[in-house]
Amino acid sequence: MPSAEGIPLRDFLEDAFETIEWGELRAVVQELAEKSQRIQSLLRPAERIETLSPEQSESLLGMIFVARKHRGDLLHGAFNDAIAELLYGEEQDLSLRVDRFLARTKAVNTGQAIELAGELLHFTFPERYWLFSRWMYNAESRTGVLPLLLDGDEELRADTPGQMYLHVGRAVVVVTEVEDAKWLFRGGLVESPQMRPFAIDTFLTATHAAYLYGVTALRLTREFHKVLPPLPRLVRRMLGLKTSNL
């Protein structure tokens, strides 16, 4: 299994792929696509944000795990304006739009705010923007699935959260273009190009979950390891999807 410092991508994928039943995760890809459709129905085109009712805004935040417990606090103030500027602002530099969104989102901490920004961007424009979560990259601990796959976090470090979001996007492209992973986006998880962004989300989450399972197996007794949740359930939890039906 990989260490905290990371191992070559190909070696890690070979180990991780052996523990993952990718066919079981096709449903996760579909659930992410449906989540995106619901969010797009509220946030596209830009004019819809201006007419969002309080109930619709609360429903939107309820779809985003890091925001669910903070809905009441987030909805005080001009939160819809902050969303509009993030998604449709005139500033061409995306990193600056992300930083401004964080500055306007005081109800949650910086780590939660950048996850919220990443979800809003990704699920509103999945063809253009990418997910961000601290299981992908935690700048404070320098851990996450991307440092594992990149053999370190040198390419992810940045001076601002907005710049870090851009670096994460470039890293996602790198790790999903490797030959060992391409088949997942050409029939292994999805066949439709429109579903590829959500297959990437699922691929990264399942890879990190498989790593966590491997580390846990080394540290826990066999009996205790049996009570760990099945991998599809853990993947859904990490992606903030409901798991009550599993």
Protein backbone atom coordinates (compact mmCIF):
# COMPACT_ATOMS: atom_id res chain seq x y z
CA MET A 1 0.00 0.00 0.00
CA PRO A 2 1.17 3.56 -0.58
CA SER A 3 2.78 5.52 2.19
CA ALA A 4 1.85 9.04 3.21
CA GLU A 5 4.56 10.30 0.89
CA GLY A 6 2.99 8.57 -2.11
CA ILE A 7 4.13 5.91 -4.57
CA PRO A 8 4.29 5.77 -8.36
CA LEU A 9 0.81 6.12 -9.80
CA ARG A 10 0.85 2.90 -11.81
CA ASP A 11 1.83 0.77 -8.80
CA PHE A 12 -0.87 2.29 -6.65
CA LEU A 13 -3.58 1.88 -9.27
CA GLU A 14 -2.68 -1.76 -9.76
CA ASP A 15 -3.17 -2.41 -6.03
CA ALA A 16 -6.30 -0.27 -5.70
CA PHE A 17 -8.07 -1.60 -8.78
CA GLU A 18 -7.86 -5.15 -7.44
CA THR A 19 -10.02 -4.19 -4.44
CA ILE A 20 -12.70 -2.21 -6.30
CA GLU A 21 -15.78 -3.62 -8.00
CA TRP A 22 -16.21 -0.79 -10.47
CA GLY A 23 -19.52 -2.11 -11.77
CA GLU A 24 -21.07 -1.53 -8.35
CA LEU A 25 -20.19 2.15 -8.62
CA ARG A 26 -22.06 2.92 -11.84
CA ALA A 27 -25.07 3.86 -9.69
CA VAL A 28 -22.93 6.44 -7.88
CA VAL A 29 -22.05 8.07 -11.20
CA GLN A 30 -25.75 8.29 -12.04
CA GLU A 31 -26.59 9.77 -8.62
CA LEU A 32 -23.97 12.48 -9.10
CA ALA A 33 -25.39 13.29 -12.54
CA GLU A 34 -28.87 13.61 -11.06
CA LYS A 35 -27.54 15.88 -8.32
CA SER A 36 -25.96 18.06 -11.01
CA GLN A 37 -29.23 18.28 -12.92
CA ARG A 38 -31.06 19.43 -9.79
CA ILE A 39 -28.44 22.08 -9.05
CA GLN A 40 -28.41 23.27 -12.66
CA SER A 41 -32.18 23.66 -12.55
CA LEU A 42 -31.66 26.24 -9.80
CA LEU A 43 -28.50 28.00 -11.00
CA ARG A 44 -28.58 27.94 -14.81
CA PRO A 45 -28.94 30.36 -16.49
CA ALA A 46 -27.69 33.23 -14.32
CA GLU A 47 -31.10 34.90 -14.20
CA ARG A 48 -32.48 32.06 -12.09
CA ILE A 49 -30.26 32.98 -9.16
CA GLU A 50 -31.91 36.40 -8.94
CA THR A 51 -35.31 34.79 -8.42
CA LEU A 52 -34.35 31.98 -6.03
CA SER A 53 -36.80 31.76 -3.17
CA PRO A 54 -35.55 31.12 0.37
CA GLU A 55 -36.93 27.60 0.08
CA GLN A 56 -35.01 26.99 -3.14
CA SER A 57 -31.80 28.36 -1.64
CA GLU A 58 -32.23 26.11 1.37
CA SER A 59 -32.87 23.13 -0.92
CA LEU A 60 -29.70 23.95 -2.86
CA LEU A 61 -27.54 23.99 0.27
CA GLY A 62 -29.19 20.79 1.45
CA MET A 63 -27.67 19.03 -1.56
CA ILE A 64 -24.14 20.02 -0.51
CA PHE A 65 -22.77 18.11 2.46
CA VAL A 66 -20.50 20.81 3.91
CA ALA A 67 -23.35 23.34 3.81
CA ARG A 68 -26.23 21.28 5.23
CA LYS A 69 -25.62 22.07 8.88
CA HIS A 70 -24.93 25.73 8.13
CA ARG A 71 -27.92 26.54 5.92
CA GLY A 72 -29.45 29.01 8.32
CA ASP A 73 -26.22 30.97 8.79
CA LEU A 74 -25.29 30.91 5.11
CA LEU A 75 -28.66 32.24 3.98
CA HIS A 76 -28.29 35.37 6.12
CA GLY A 77 -26.88 38.14 3.98
CA ALA A 78 -26.28 38.25 0.25
CA PHE A 79 -25.38 34.59 -0.27
CA ASN A 80 -27.19 34.36 -3.60
CA ASP A 81 -25.14 37.33 -4.82
CA ALA A 82 -21.96 35.52 -3.78
CA ILE A 83 -23.04 32.47 -5.79
CA ALA A 84 -23.82 34.62 -8.83
CA GLU A 85 -20.40 36.28 -8.69
CA LEU A 86 -18.65 32.91 -8.32
CA LEU A 87 -20.44 31.32 -11.26
CA TYR A 88 -21.01 34.27 -13.58
CA GLY A 89 -18.78 37.11 -12.37
CA GLU A 90 -17.03 39.36 -14.89
CA GLU A 91 -13.62 38.57 -13.39
CA GLN A 92 -11.92 36.22 -15.84
CA ASP A 93 -9.45 34.85 -13.30
CA LEU A 94 -11.31 31.95 -11.67
CA SER A 95 -8.92 31.88 -8.72
CA LEU A 96 -9.90 35.44 -7.81
CA ARG A 97 -13.61 34.62 -8.07
CA VAL A 98 -13.07 31.67 -5.71
CA ASP A 99 -11.15 33.85 -3.25
CA ARG A 100 -13.87 36.50 -3.31
CA PHE A 101 -16.52 33.84 -2.67
CA LEU A 102 -14.57 32.64 0.36
CA ALA A 103 -14.26 36.21 1.63
CA ARG A 104 -18.03 36.63 1.38
CA THR A 105 -18.83 33.26 2.99
CA LYS A 106 -18.15 33.83 6.67
CA ALA A 107 -20.61 31.29 8.08
CA VAL A 108 -18.20 28.40 7.46
CA ASN A 109 -14.44 28.02 7.77
CA THR A 110 -12.07 28.33 4.82
CA GLY A 111 -11.83 24.58 4.24
CA GLN A 112 -15.61 24.22 4.14
CA ALA A 113 -16.03 27.32 1.99
CA ILE A 114 -13.69 26.12 -0.74
CA GLU A 115 -15.46 22.74 -0.79
CA LEU A 116 -18.75 24.62 -1.16
CA ALA A 117 -17.31 26.70 -3.99
CA GLY A 118 -15.99 23.58 -5.72
CA GLU A 119 -19.38 21.84 -5.52
CA LEU A 120 -21.25 24.87 -6.84
CA LEU A 121 -18.86 25.25 -9.77
CA HIS A 122 -18.61 21.55 -10.59
CA PHE A 123 -22.26 20.58 -10.38
CA THR A 124 -23.44 23.73 -12.18
CA PHE A 125 -20.91 23.42 -15.00
CA PRO A 126 -19.59 19.82 -14.85
CA GLU A 127 -18.14 20.09 -18.33
CA ARG A 128 -16.01 23.08 -17.28
CA TYR A 129 -15.14 22.83 -13.57
CA TRP A 130 -14.05 20.13 -11.16
CA LEU A 131 -14.89 18.95 -7.68
CA PHE A 132 -12.88 19.98 -4.66
CA SER A 133 -12.85 18.20 -1.31
CA ARG A 134 -10.37 17.87 1.51
CA TRP A 135 -10.14 14.13 0.87
CA MET A 136 -8.78 15.14 -2.54
CA TYR A 137 -6.23 17.53 -1.04
CA ASN A 138 -5.83 18.89 2.46
CA ALA A 139 -3.30 21.71 2.31
CA GLU A 140 -2.74 21.75 6.06
CA SER A 141 -1.83 18.08 6.41
CA ARG A 142 -0.64 17.79 2.77
CA THR A 143 -2.63 14.59 2.38
CA GLY A 144 -5.41 13.30 0.14
CA VAL A 145 -5.89 11.13 -2.90
CA LEU A 146 -4.18 13.56 -5.28
CA PRO A 147 -0.88 13.68 -3.34
CA LEU A 148 -1.00 9.87 -3.29
CA LEU A 149 -1.47 9.66 -7.03
CA LEU A 150 1.01 12.44 -7.80
CA ASP A 151 3.71 11.10 -5.48
CA GLY A 152 3.55 14.24 -3.33
CA ASP A 153 1.82 17.61 -3.22
CA GLU A 154 4.42 19.89 -4.78
CA GLU A 155 2.17 20.60 -7.78
CA LEU A 156 -0.81 21.33 -5.53
CA ARG A 157 0.63 23.94 -3.18
CA ALA A 158 -0.50 27.51 -3.71
CA ASP A 159 -0.48 30.94 -2.10
CA THR A 160 -4.28 31.32 -2.07
CA PRO A 161 -7.25 28.95 -1.92
CA GLY A 162 -8.30 30.09 -5.38
CA GLN A 163 -4.92 29.20 -6.86
CA MET A 164 -5.07 25.86 -5.06
CA TYR A 165 -8.41 25.14 -6.73
CA LEU A 166 -6.77 25.70 -10.12
CA HIS A 167 -3.87 23.42 -9.22
CA VAL A 168 -6.28 20.69 -8.14
CA GLY A 169 -8.00 20.96 -11.51
CA ARG A 170 -4.75 20.45 -13.36
CA ALA A 171 -3.90 17.49 -11.13
CA VAL A 172 -7.26 15.85 -11.83
CA VAL A 173 -6.50 16.00 -15.55
CA VAL A 174 -3.09 14.40 -15.01
CA VAL A 175 -4.25 11.47 -12.89
CA THR A 176 -7.25 10.65 -15.07
CA GLU A 177 -5.28 10.64 -18.32
CA VAL A 178 -2.96 7.82 -17.23
CA GLU A 179 -3.41 4.71 -19.38
CA ASP A 180 -4.43 2.52 -16.43
CA ALA A 181 -7.43 4.76 -15.71
CA LYS A 182 -8.69 5.62 -19.20
CA TRP A 183 -10.80 2.49 -19.57
CA LEU A 184 -12.98 3.65 -16.67
CA PHE A 185 -14.26 6.51 -18.79
CA ARG A 186 -14.76 4.39 -21.92
CA GLY A 187 -17.05 1.71 -20.64
CA GLY A 188 -15.67 0.75 -17.24
CA LEU A 189 -17.80 3.28 -15.41
CA VAL A 190 -19.50 5.21 -18.20
CA GLU A 191 -19.83 5.21 -21.95
CA SER A 192 -21.35 8.67 -22.41
CA PRO A 193 -18.90 11.61 -22.55
CA GLN A 194 -21.45 13.74 -20.68
CA MET A 195 -21.10 11.44 -17.67
CA ARG A 196 -17.31 11.54 -17.61
CA PRO A 197 -17.02 14.31 -14.97
CA PHE A 198 -19.02 12.21 -12.53
CA ALA A 199 -17.05 9.08 -13.37
CA ILE A 200 -13.91 11.04 -12.49
CA ASP A 201 -15.44 12.01 -9.13
CA THR A 202 -16.29 8.36 -8.48
CA PHE A 203 -12.87 7.13 -9.60
CA LEU A 204 -11.02 9.50 -7.26
CA THR A 205 -13.31 8.75 -4.33
CA ALA A 206 -13.15 4.97 -4.78
CA THR A 207 -9.38 5.06 -5.15
CA HIS A 208 -9.03 6.98 -1.89
CA ALA A 209 -11.52 4.69 -0.17
CA ALA A 210 -9.57 1.63 -1.32
CA TYR A 211 -6.42 3.16 0.13
CA LEU A 212 -8.19 3.80 3.45
CA TYR A 213 -9.43 0.22 3.49
CA GLY A 214 -5.92 -1.06 2.89
CA VAL A 215 -4.42 1.03 5.68
CA THR A 216 -7.21 0.01 8.03
CA ALA A 217 -6.74 -3.67 7.22
CA LEU A 218 -3.12 -3.41 8.25
CA ARG A 219 -3.96 -1.80 11.59
CA LEU A 220 -7.13 -3.57 12.73
CA THR A 221 -7.97 -7.14 13.55
CA ARG A 222 -9.79 -9.17 10.93
CA GLU A 223 -12.93 -9.26 13.09
CA PHE A 224 -13.11 -5.49 13.48
CA HIS A 225 -12.36 -4.96 9.80
CA LYS A 226 -15.55 -6.87 8.94
CA VAL A 227 -17.72 -4.12 10.47
CA LEU A 228 -16.38 -1.42 8.15
CA PRO A 229 -18.99 -0.13 5.68
CA PRO A 230 -18.98 -1.60 2.15
CA LEU A 231 -16.94 0.43 -0.29
CA PRO A 232 -19.96 1.80 -2.24
CA ARG A 233 -21.43 3.12 1.03
CA LEU A 234 -18.15 4.78 1.99
CA VAL A 235 -17.87 6.32 -1.47
CA ARG A 236 -21.36 7.78 -1.15
CA ARG A 237 -20.52 9.19 2.27
CA MET A 238 -17.37 10.83 0.98
CA LEU A 239 -19.33 12.38 -1.88
CA GLY A 240 -22.12 13.58 0.41
CA LEU A 241 -24.76 11.34 -1.17
CA LYS A 242 -27.54 9.75 0.84
CA THR A 243 -26.82 6.19 1.95
CA SER A 244 -30.06 5.26 3.67
CA ASN A 245 -31.06 2.91 0.86
CA LEU A 246 -27.95 0.76 1.20
